[in-house]
Amino acid sequence: MNVDEMLTGARDAMTVKRVFGDPYEKNGVTVVPAAKVFGGAGGGGGEAEGQGKGSGSGFGLSARPVGAYVVRGDQVSWQPAVDVNRIIVGAGLIALAAILTVRTALKARG
């Protein structure tokens, strides 16, 4: 795969269809899911000194849900997604900071 083919594939992969999912309706309410999509690409070429021909390319794409637009009649609202893993990691970091603060305070007293 050359760099041009990789960039074409990357452009095709990062479309609005990756950000907004297909809308679905139930009981007169339409929901349009949304995601945060990000990616990167890289490529290379040429010859390395004494190494023969060289080339390479790569592409990565990541997505995570961020919420959904909810349409009820003429009203549109945004409902953010709850990322439980992020909440757990944040709580763990706060707990660790509290433990280290208490430990430092106890050492200073002793």
C-alpha atoms as a PDB file:
ATOM      1  CA  MET A   1       0.000   0.000   0.000  1.00  0.00           C
ATOM      2  CA  ASN A   2       1.472   3.330  -0.977  1.00  0.00           C
ATOM      3  CA  VAL A   3       0.987   6.602   0.884  1.00  0.00           C
ATOM      4  CA  ASP A   4      -1.687   7.882  -1.533  1.00  0.00           C
ATOM      5  CA  GLU A   5      -3.784   4.734  -1.044  1.00  0.00           C
ATOM      6  CA  MET A   6      -3.392   5.013   2.722  1.00  0.00           C
ATOM      7  CA  LEU A   7      -4.507   8.646   2.753  1.00  0.00           C
ATOM      8  CA  THR A   8      -7.513   7.808   0.562  1.00  0.00           C
ATOM      9  CA  GLY A   9      -8.450   5.027   2.997  1.00  0.00           C
ATOM     10  CA  ALA A  10      -8.025   7.375   5.954  1.00  0.00           C
ATOM     11  CA  ARG A  11     -10.220  10.023   4.338  1.00  0.00           C
ATOM     12  CA  ASP A  12     -12.895   7.411   3.582  1.00  0.00           C
ATOM     13  CA  ALA A  13     -12.746   6.086   7.166  1.00  0.00           C
ATOM     14  CA  MET A  14     -13.143   9.513   8.781  1.00  0.00           C
ATOM     15  CA  THR A  15     -16.544  10.510   7.417  1.00  0.00           C
ATOM     16  CA  VAL A  16     -19.569  12.039   9.111  1.00  0.00           C
ATOM     17  CA  LYS A  17     -21.095   8.539   9.241  1.00  0.00           C
ATOM     18  CA  ARG A  18     -18.408   7.637  11.790  1.00  0.00           C
ATOM     19  CA  VAL A  19     -19.367  10.603  13.993  1.00  0.00           C
ATOM     20  CA  PHE A  20     -23.159  10.403  13.733  1.00  0.00           C
ATOM     21  CA  GLY A  21     -24.835   7.014  13.772  1.00  0.00           C
ATOM     22  CA  ASP A  22     -27.994   6.148  11.888  1.00  0.00           C
ATOM     23  CA  PRO A  23     -31.024   7.799  13.517  1.00  0.00           C
ATOM     24  CA  TYR A  24     -33.620   5.497  14.976  1.00  0.00           C
ATOM     25  CA  GLU A  25     -37.174   6.222  16.022  1.00  0.00           C
ATOM     26  CA  LYS A  26     -39.475   4.697  18.587  1.00  0.00           C
ATOM     27  CA  ASN A  27     -42.773   6.054  19.913  1.00  0.00           C
ATOM     28  CA  GLY A  28     -42.327   9.351  18.050  1.00  0.00           C
ATOM     29  CA  VAL A  29     -38.846  10.022  19.512  1.00  0.00           C
ATOM     30  CA  THR A  30     -35.827  10.067  17.210  1.00  0.00           C
ATOM     31  CA  VAL A  31     -32.346   9.403  18.591  1.00  0.00           C
ATOM     32  CA  VAL A  32     -29.159  10.241  16.682  1.00  0.00           C
ATOM     33  CA  PRO A  33     -26.061   8.780  18.382  1.00  0.00           C
ATOM     34  CA  ALA A  34     -22.773  10.718  18.195  1.00  0.00           C
ATOM     35  CA  ALA A  35     -19.168   9.712  18.744  1.00  0.00           C
ATOM     36  CA  LYS A  36     -15.805  11.405  19.068  1.00  0.00           C
ATOM     37  CA  VAL A  37     -13.633  10.130  16.225  1.00  0.00           C
ATOM     38  CA  PHE A  38      -9.947  10.793  15.873  1.00  0.00           C
ATOM     39  CA  GLY A  39      -7.129   9.254  13.922  1.00  0.00           C
ATOM     40  CA  GLY A  40      -3.722   9.680  12.494  1.00  0.00           C
ATOM     41  CA  ALA A  41      -1.665   8.526   9.566  1.00  0.00           C
ATOM     42  CA  GLY A  42       1.955   8.406   8.635  1.00  0.00           C
ATOM     43  CA  GLY A  43       4.118   7.245   5.814  1.00  0.00           C
ATOM     44  CA  GLY A  44       7.653   7.033   4.658  1.00  0.00           C
ATOM     45  CA  GLY A  45       9.770   6.157   1.693  1.00  0.00           C
ATOM     46  CA  GLY A  46      13.180   6.428   0.123  1.00  0.00           C
ATOM     47  CA  GLU A  47      16.299   4.441   0.761  1.00  0.00           C
ATOM     48  CA  ALA A  48      18.166   4.172   4.012  1.00  0.00           C
ATOM     49  CA  GLU A  49      21.950   4.451   3.712  1.00  0.00           C
ATOM     50  CA  GLY A  50      23.288   0.937   3.292  1.00  0.00           C
ATOM     51  CA  GLN A  51      19.919  -0.647   4.089  1.00  0.00           C
ATOM     52  CA  GLY A  52      18.383  -0.981   0.617  1.00  0.00           C
ATOM     53  CA  LYS A  53      14.906   0.242  -0.205  1.00  0.00           C
ATOM     54  CA  GLY A  54      12.711   1.580   2.541  1.00  0.00           C
ATOM     55  CA  SER A  55       9.039   2.420   2.779  1.00  0.00           C
ATOM     56  CA  GLY A  56       6.193   2.252   5.208  1.00  0.00           C
ATOM     57  CA  SER A  57       2.807   3.597   6.123  1.00  0.00           C
ATOM     58  CA  GLY A  58       0.291   3.337   8.903  1.00  0.00           C
ATOM     59  CA  PHE A  59      -3.130   4.544   9.969  1.00  0.00           C
ATOM     60  CA  GLY A  60      -5.043   4.437  13.224  1.00  0.00           C
ATOM     61  CA  LEU A  61      -8.633   5.349  14.028  1.00  0.00           C
ATOM     62  CA  SER A  62     -10.345   5.523  17.400  1.00  0.00           C
ATOM     63  CA  ALA A  63     -13.917   6.349  18.355  1.00  0.00           C
ATOM     64  CA  ARG A  64     -15.884   6.577  21.579  1.00  0.00           C
ATOM     65  CA  PRO A  65     -19.517   7.465  22.195  1.00  0.00           C
ATOM     66  CA  VAL A  66     -20.135  10.961  23.518  1.00  0.00           C
ATOM     67  CA  GLY A  67     -23.926  11.142  23.539  1.00  0.00           C
ATOM     68  CA  ALA A  68     -27.000  11.442  21.395  1.00  0.00           C
ATOM     69  CA  TYR A  69     -29.342  14.057  20.033  1.00  0.00           C
ATOM     70  CA  VAL A  70     -32.939  13.330  21.047  1.00  0.00           C
ATOM     71  CA  VAL A  71     -35.704  14.785  18.874  1.00  0.00           C
ATOM     72  CA  ARG A  72     -39.228  14.990  20.328  1.00  0.00           C
ATOM     73  CA  GLY A  73     -41.557  16.914  18.023  1.00  0.00           C
ATOM     74  CA  ASP A  74     -39.943  20.337  17.497  1.00  0.00           C
ATOM     75  CA  GLN A  75     -37.605  19.993  20.493  1.00  0.00           C
ATOM     76  CA  VAL A  76     -34.004  18.775  20.184  1.00  0.00           C
ATOM     77  CA  SER A  77     -31.925  17.989  23.254  1.00  0.00           C
ATOM     78  CA  TRP A  78     -28.437  16.642  23.833  1.00  0.00           C
ATOM     79  CA  GLN A  79     -27.986  13.673  26.161  1.00  0.00           C
ATOM     80  CA  PRO A  80     -24.315  13.085  27.015  1.00  0.00           C
ATOM     81  CA  ALA A  81     -23.056   9.522  27.279  1.00  0.00           C
ATOM     82  CA  VAL A  82     -21.853   8.404  30.683  1.00  0.00           C
ATOM     83  CA  ASP A  83     -18.326   6.985  30.480  1.00  0.00           C
ATOM     84  CA  VAL A  84     -18.225   4.761  33.553  1.00  0.00           C
ATOM     85  CA  ASN A  85     -14.566   3.859  33.012  1.00  0.00           C
ATOM     86  CA  ARG A  86     -13.557   7.522  33.027  1.00  0.00           C
ATOM     87  CA  ILE A  87     -15.551   8.094  36.235  1.00  0.00           C
ATOM     88  CA  ILE A  88     -13.863   5.122  37.932  1.00  0.00           C
ATOM     89  CA  VAL A  89     -10.377   6.261  36.885  1.00  0.00           C
ATOM     90  CA  GLY A  90     -11.114   9.820  38.055  1.00  0.00           C
ATOM     91  CA  ALA A  91     -12.387   8.597  41.422  1.00  0.00           C
ATOM     92  CA  GLY A  92      -9.316   6.403  41.808  1.00  0.00           C
ATOM     93  CA  LEU A  93      -6.988   9.328  41.121  1.00  0.00           C
ATOM     94  CA  ILE A  94      -8.819  11.513  43.639  1.00  0.00           C
ATOM     95  CA  ALA A  95      -8.629   8.735  46.249  1.00  0.00           C
ATOM     96  CA  LEU A  96      -4.905   8.265  45.597  1.00  0.00           C
ATOM     97  CA  ALA A  97      -4.279  12.005  45.942  1.00  0.00           C
ATOM     98  CA  ALA A  98      -6.214  12.051  49.225  1.00  0.00           C
ATOM     99  CA  ILE A  99      -4.230   9.086  50.593  1.00  0.00           C
ATOM    100  CA  LEU A 100      -0.911  10.686  49.655  1.00  0.00           C
ATOM    101  CA  THR A 101      -1.971  14.011  51.183  1.00  0.00           C
ATOM    102  CA  VAL A 102      -2.983  12.356  54.458  1.00  0.00           C
ATOM    103  CA  ARG A 103       0.234  10.317  54.510  1.00  0.00           C
ATOM    104  CA  THR A 104       2.324  13.453  53.971  1.00  0.00           C
ATOM    105  CA  ALA A 105       0.430  15.299  56.728  1.00  0.00           C
ATOM    106  CA  LEU A 106       0.938  12.399  59.154  1.00  0.00           C
ATOM    107  CA  LYS A 107       4.658  12.227  58.388  1.00  0.00           C
ATOM    108  CA  ALA A 108       4.984  15.980  58.965  1.00  0.00           C
ATOM    109  CA  ARG A 109       3.360  15.621  62.403  1.00  0.00           C
ATOM    110  CA  GLY A 110       5.498  12.668  63.430  1.00  0.00           C
END
